Amino acid sequence: MRAVQTTHSGGREIFHVADLPDPVPGEGQATYDISSCGVDFADTHHRVSGN
């Protein structure tokens, strides 16, 4: 699966796309196929401020 990963706080320059193994659900868990998601100002502010 392709995923956007961050390893530390910072601006949009720290986001990078990575190929990861598909997750395997455990007992009583499920996986969902997410094709898109939203990011708003509060999310980006939180990443930049490091809180």
PDB file of N, CA and C in Angstrom:
ATOM      1  N   MET A   1       0.841  -1.165   0.000  1.00  0.00           N
ATOM      2  CA  MET A   1       0.000   0.000   0.000  1.00  0.00           C
ATOM      3  C   MET A   1       0.889   1.230   0.000  1.00  0.00           C
ATOM      4  N   ARG A   2       0.376   2.310  -0.542  1.00  0.00           N
ATOM      5  CA  ARG A   2       1.097   3.585  -0.518  1.00  0.00           C
ATOM      6  C   ARG A   2       0.547   4.425   0.616  1.00  0.00           C
ATOM      7  N   ALA A   3       1.426   5.063   1.357  1.00  0.00           N
ATOM      8  CA  ALA A   3       1.014   5.876   2.492  1.00  0.00           C
ATOM      9  C   ALA A   3       1.892   7.116   2.580  1.00  0.00           C
ATOM     10  N   VAL A   4       1.343   8.176   3.133  1.00  0.00           N
ATOM     11  CA  VAL A   4       2.126   9.377   3.413  1.00  0.00           C
ATOM     12  C   VAL A   4       2.623   9.254   4.845  1.00  0.00           C
ATOM     13  N   GLN A   5       3.922   9.389   5.026  1.00  0.00           N
ATOM     14  CA  GLN A   5       4.514   9.249   6.352  1.00  0.00           C
ATOM     15  C   GLN A   5       5.204  10.538   6.773  1.00  0.00           C
ATOM     16  N   THR A   6       5.242  10.740   8.080  1.00  0.00           N
ATOM     17  CA  THR A   6       6.031  11.819   8.669  1.00  0.00           C
ATOM     18  C   THR A   6       6.842  11.209   9.808  1.00  0.00           C
ATOM     19  N   THR A   7       8.037  11.697   9.981  1.00  0.00           N
ATOM     20  CA  THR A   7       8.886  11.158  11.044  1.00  0.00           C
ATOM     21  C   THR A   7       9.196  12.190  12.119  1.00  0.00           C
ATOM     22  N   HIS A   8       8.868  13.458  11.853  1.00  0.00           N
ATOM     23  CA  HIS A   8       9.105  14.513  12.831  1.00  0.00           C
ATOM     24  C   HIS A   8       8.216  15.702  12.498  1.00  0.00           C
ATOM     25  N   SER A   9       8.166  16.681  13.377  1.00  0.00           N
ATOM     26  CA  SER A   9       7.360  17.876  13.154  1.00  0.00           C
ATOM     27  C   SER A   9       7.988  18.751  12.087  1.00  0.00           C
ATOM     28  N   GLY A  10       7.147  19.505  11.427  1.00  0.00           N
ATOM     29  CA  GLY A  10       7.631  20.421  10.404  1.00  0.00           C
ATOM     30  C   GLY A  10       6.521  20.747   9.423  1.00  0.00           C
ATOM     31  N   GLY A  11       6.840  21.443   8.397  1.00  0.00           N
ATOM     32  CA  GLY A  11       5.895  21.831   7.361  1.00  0.00           C
ATOM     33  C   GLY A  11       5.652  20.708   6.367  1.00  0.00           C
ATOM     34  N   ARG A  12       5.032  21.081   5.261  1.00  0.00           N
ATOM     35  CA  ARG A  12       4.672  20.060   4.273  1.00  0.00           C
ATOM     36  C   ARG A  12       5.873  19.365   3.652  1.00  0.00           C
ATOM     37  N   GLU A  13       7.056  19.945   3.779  1.00  0.00           N
ATOM     38  CA  GLU A  13       8.253  19.334   3.197  1.00  0.00           C
ATOM     39  C   GLU A  13       8.647  18.029   3.880  1.00  0.00           C
ATOM     40  N   ILE A  14       8.108  17.750   5.060  1.00  0.00           N
ATOM     41  CA  ILE A  14       8.484  16.515   5.765  1.00  0.00           C
ATOM     42  C   ILE A  14       7.623  15.321   5.371  1.00  0.00           C
ATOM     43  N   PHE A  15       6.522  15.559   4.645  1.00  0.00           N
ATOM     44  CA  PHE A  15       5.665  14.454   4.213  1.00  0.00           C
ATOM     45  C   PHE A  15       6.332  13.729   3.051  1.00  0.00           C
ATOM     46  N   HIS A  16       6.322  12.417   3.072  1.00  0.00           N
ATOM     47  CA  HIS A  16       6.829  11.664   1.936  1.00  0.00           C
ATOM     48  C   HIS A  16       5.971  10.415   1.729  1.00  0.00           C
ATOM     49  N   VAL A  17       5.866  10.006   0.468  1.00  0.00           N
ATOM     50  CA  VAL A  17       5.079   8.824   0.108  1.00  0.00           C
ATOM     51  C   VAL A  17       5.964   7.599   0.225  1.00  0.00           C
ATOM     52  N   ALA A  18       5.438   6.560   0.879  1.00  0.00           N
ATOM     53  CA  ALA A  18       6.198   5.329   1.082  1.00  0.00           C
ATOM     54  C   ALA A  18       5.340   4.127   0.690  1.00  0.00           C
ATOM     55  N   ASP A  19       5.982   3.103   0.196  1.00  0.00           N
ATOM     56  CA  ASP A  19       5.309   1.824  -0.069  1.00  0.00           C
ATOM     57  C   ASP A  19       5.470   0.960   1.172  1.00  0.00           C
ATOM     58  N   LEU A  20       4.351   0.555   1.755  1.00  0.00           N
ATOM     59  CA  LEU A  20       4.354  -0.229   2.985  1.00  0.00           C
ATOM     60  C   LEU A  20       3.596  -1.535   2.766  1.00  0.00           C
ATOM     61  N   PRO A  21       3.867  -2.547   3.577  1.00  0.00           N
ATOM     62  CA  PRO A  21       3.089  -3.784   3.463  1.00  0.00           C
ATOM     63  C   PRO A  21       1.640  -3.541   3.881  1.00  0.00           C
ATOM     64  N   ASP A  22       0.719  -4.272   3.280  1.00  0.00           N
ATOM     65  CA  ASP A  22      -0.690  -4.152   3.646  1.00  0.00           C
ATOM     66  C   ASP A  22      -0.871  -4.563   5.106  1.00  0.00           C
ATOM     67  N   PRO A  23      -1.672  -3.804   5.851  1.00  0.00           N
ATOM     68  CA  PRO A  23      -1.901  -4.164   7.253  1.00  0.00           C
ATOM     69  C   PRO A  23      -2.717  -5.448   7.357  1.00  0.00           C
ATOM     70  N   VAL A  24      -2.460  -6.204   8.397  1.00  0.00           N
ATOM     71  CA  VAL A  24      -3.188  -7.449   8.640  1.00  0.00           C
ATOM     72  C   VAL A  24      -3.991  -7.259   9.936  1.00  0.00           C
ATOM     73  N   PRO A  25      -5.317  -7.370   9.864  1.00  0.00           N
ATOM     74  CA  PRO A  25      -6.118  -7.168  11.076  1.00  0.00           C
ATOM     75  C   PRO A  25      -5.932  -8.300  12.071  1.00  0.00           C
ATOM     76  N   GLY A  26      -5.981  -7.951  13.337  1.00  0.00           N
ATOM     77  CA  GLY A  26      -5.908  -8.936  14.399  1.00  0.00           C
ATOM     78  C   GLY A  26      -7.295  -9.454  14.747  1.00  0.00           C
ATOM     79  N   GLU A  27      -7.376 -10.280  15.751  1.00  0.00           N
ATOM     80  CA  GLU A  27      -8.642 -10.844  16.205  1.00  0.00           C
ATOM     81  C   GLU A  27      -9.617  -9.724  16.583  1.00  0.00           C
ATOM     82  N   GLY A  28     -10.809  -9.754  16.007  1.00  0.00           N
ATOM     83  CA  GLY A  28     -11.830  -8.763  16.307  1.00  0.00           C
ATOM     84  C   GLY A  28     -11.603  -7.406  15.655  1.00  0.00           C
ATOM     85  N   GLN A  29     -10.647  -7.300  14.748  1.00  0.00           N
ATOM     86  CA  GLN A  29     -10.343  -6.048  14.063  1.00  0.00           C
ATOM     87  C   GLN A  29     -10.728  -6.149  12.596  1.00  0.00           C
ATOM     88  N   ALA A  30     -10.775  -5.010  11.921  1.00  0.00           N
ATOM     89  CA  ALA A  30     -11.083  -4.955  10.493  1.00  0.00           C
ATOM     90  C   ALA A  30     -10.181  -3.919   9.838  1.00  0.00           C
ATOM     91  N   THR A  31      -9.957  -4.037   8.550  1.00  0.00           N
ATOM     92  CA  THR A  31      -9.242  -3.010   7.791  1.00  0.00           C
ATOM     93  C   THR A  31     -10.234  -2.366   6.832  1.00  0.00           C
ATOM     94  N   TYR A  32      -9.983  -1.117   6.491  1.00  0.00           N
ATOM     95  CA  TYR A  32     -10.840  -0.360   5.581  1.00  0.00           C
ATOM     96  C   TYR A  32      -9.984   0.221   4.473  1.00  0.00           C
ATOM     97  N   ASP A  33     -10.516   0.238   3.275  1.00  0.00           N
ATOM     98  CA  ASP A  33      -9.824   0.818   2.131  1.00  0.00           C
ATOM     99  C   ASP A  33     -10.205   2.293   2.058  1.00  0.00           C
ATOM    100  N   ILE A  34      -9.256   3.168   2.387  1.00  0.00           N
ATOM    101  CA  ILE A  34      -9.480   4.610   2.365  1.00  0.00           C
ATOM    102  C   ILE A  34      -8.845   5.157   1.094  1.00  0.00           C
ATOM    103  N   SER A  35      -9.643   5.776   0.244  1.00  0.00           N
ATOM    104  CA  SER A  35      -9.097   6.295  -1.009  1.00  0.00           C
ATOM    105  C   SER A  35      -8.695   7.760  -0.908  1.00  0.00           C
ATOM    106  N   SER A  36      -9.233   8.477   0.070  1.00  0.00           N
ATOM    107  CA  SER A  36      -8.854   9.875   0.250  1.00  0.00           C
ATOM    108  C   SER A  36      -9.205  10.319   1.666  1.00  0.00           C
ATOM    109  N   CYS A  37      -8.581  11.388   2.107  1.00  0.00           N
ATOM    110  CA  CYS A  37      -8.885  11.953   3.418  1.00  0.00           C
ATOM    111  C   CYS A  37      -8.606  13.441   3.371  1.00  0.00           C
ATOM    112  N   GLY A  38      -9.097  14.155   4.341  1.00  0.00           N
ATOM    113  CA  GLY A  38      -8.911  15.596   4.380  1.00  0.00           C
ATOM    114  C   GLY A  38      -7.897  16.002   5.432  1.00  0.00           C
ATOM    115  N   VAL A  39      -7.239  17.113   5.174  1.00  0.00           N
ATOM    116  CA  VAL A  39      -6.316  17.718   6.127  1.00  0.00           C
ATOM    117  C   VAL A  39      -6.693  19.184   6.208  1.00  0.00           C
ATOM    118  N   ASP A  40      -6.955  19.668   7.407  1.00  0.00           N
ATOM    119  CA  ASP A  40      -7.334  21.070   7.559  1.00  0.00           C
ATOM    120  C   ASP A  40      -6.236  21.868   8.260  1.00  0.00           C
ATOM    121  N   PHE A  41      -6.488  23.157   8.441  1.00  0.00           N
ATOM    122  CA  PHE A  41      -5.484  24.044   9.024  1.00  0.00           C
ATOM    123  C   PHE A  41      -5.007  23.567  10.386  1.00  0.00           C
ATOM    124  N   ALA A  42      -5.933  23.098  11.228  1.00  0.00           N
ATOM    125  CA  ALA A  42      -5.542  22.651  12.566  1.00  0.00           C
ATOM    126  C   ALA A  42      -4.546  21.491  12.490  1.00  0.00           C
ATOM    127  N   ASP A  43      -4.739  20.579  11.551  1.00  0.00           N
ATOM    128  CA  ASP A  43      -3.807  19.459  11.384  1.00  0.00           C
ATOM    129  C   ASP A  43      -2.409  19.959  11.004  1.00  0.00           C
ATOM    130  N   THR A  44      -2.341  20.858  10.040  1.00  0.00           N
ATOM    131  CA  THR A  44      -1.037  21.352   9.607  1.00  0.00           C
ATOM    132  C   THR A  44      -0.382  22.205  10.693  1.00  0.00           C
ATOM    133  N   HIS A  45      -1.156  22.999  11.409  1.00  0.00           N
ATOM    134  CA  HIS A  45      -0.614  23.823  12.495  1.00  0.00           C
ATOM    135  C   HIS A  45      -0.021  22.930  13.582  1.00  0.00           C
ATOM    136  N   HIS A  46      -0.712  21.851  13.897  1.00  0.00           N
ATOM    137  CA  HIS A  46      -0.235  20.900  14.911  1.00  0.00           C
ATOM    138  C   HIS A  46       1.094  20.297  14.493  1.00  0.00           C
ATOM    139  N   ARG A  47       1.250  19.932  13.213  1.00  0.00           N
ATOM    140  CA  ARG A  47       2.498  19.344  12.716  1.00  0.00           C
ATOM    141  C   ARG A  47       3.643  20.346  12.775  1.00  0.00           C
ATOM    142  N   VAL A  48       3.380  21.599  12.384  1.00  0.00           N
ATOM    143  CA  VAL A  48       4.435  22.599  12.351  1.00  0.00           C
ATOM    144  C   VAL A  48       4.878  22.990  13.753  1.00  0.00           C
ATOM    145  N   SER A  49       3.931  23.080  14.693  1.00  0.00           N
ATOM    146  CA  SER A  49       4.271  23.527  16.035  1.00  0.00           C
ATOM    147  C   SER A  49       4.916  22.437  16.878  1.00  0.00           C
ATOM    148  N   GLY A  50       4.759  21.169  16.476  1.00  0.00           N
ATOM    149  CA  GLY A  50       5.381  20.071  17.201  1.00  0.00           C
ATOM    150  C   GLY A  50       4.652  19.676  18.476  1.00  0.00           C
ATOM    151  N   ASN A  51       3.431  20.145  18.655  1.00  0.00           N
ATOM    152  CA  ASN A  51       2.659  19.801  19.860  1.00  0.00           C
ATOM    153  C   ASN A  51       1.907  18.510  19.679  1.00  0.00           C
TER     154      ASN A  51
END
